Amino acid sequence: MLMRLLALAGLTLRSAVRSRVFAVLIAAVLVCVLGLPLIIKSDGTAAGQAQLFLHYAFGLAGGLLSAAAAWSAAGAIALEVSGRQMHVLTTKPVRAIELWLGKLIGLMAINLVMAVLAVGLIYGLLRWTTRPAALPAAERDRLREDVLSAHSLIAPIEPAPVPPGPMPGQRVLLTVPP
């Protein structure tokens, strides 16, 4: 079953590359991530710029990839039905669930590549805008502490101190020296 799923995923990938969906998605992710700072201005601080990159760019890229996955899935099935490729596939020993899962795996592989591209671009932009030549050290440190760090919402639980001596209900073995 796994080999059939991977074969169907490979067919989906090839179909997406042939229909230029992959190239359009790359261009859309580039425009969204690189063009966003040109359209939306932050409050002028390094923290505002970093939050703009993180919140808006990730949100826009995620929304774009979600819409593209739904559009590609519907388009791929419709093209296969209209091109009579689906009729050839249904004569093979492939169940309908394997067909759908294979398509899903192929489309999610495309989304994974696009998400990695978006994350890499956003990370590169953050590194470039927070480089030592662009920001003073004090502002870079404040940015790193305020925005570019993970904060815990729950304080860690301190272990209770162990009292010396036996615990209640614990047997104590006494040894008598010879």
Foldseek 3Di string as FASTA:
>chain_A
DVVLLQVLLVVLLVVCVVVCLLVVLLVVLCCLQVVQCVVDPFPPALLRVLCSNPPRSLVVNVVVLVVSLVVSLVVVVVVCVVVVVVVVVVVDPADPVSNVSSNVNNSVVSSVVSSVVNVVSSVVVSCVCLPCVNDPPVSSVVSCVPPVDDDDPDDDDDDDDDDPDDDPPDDDDDDDDD
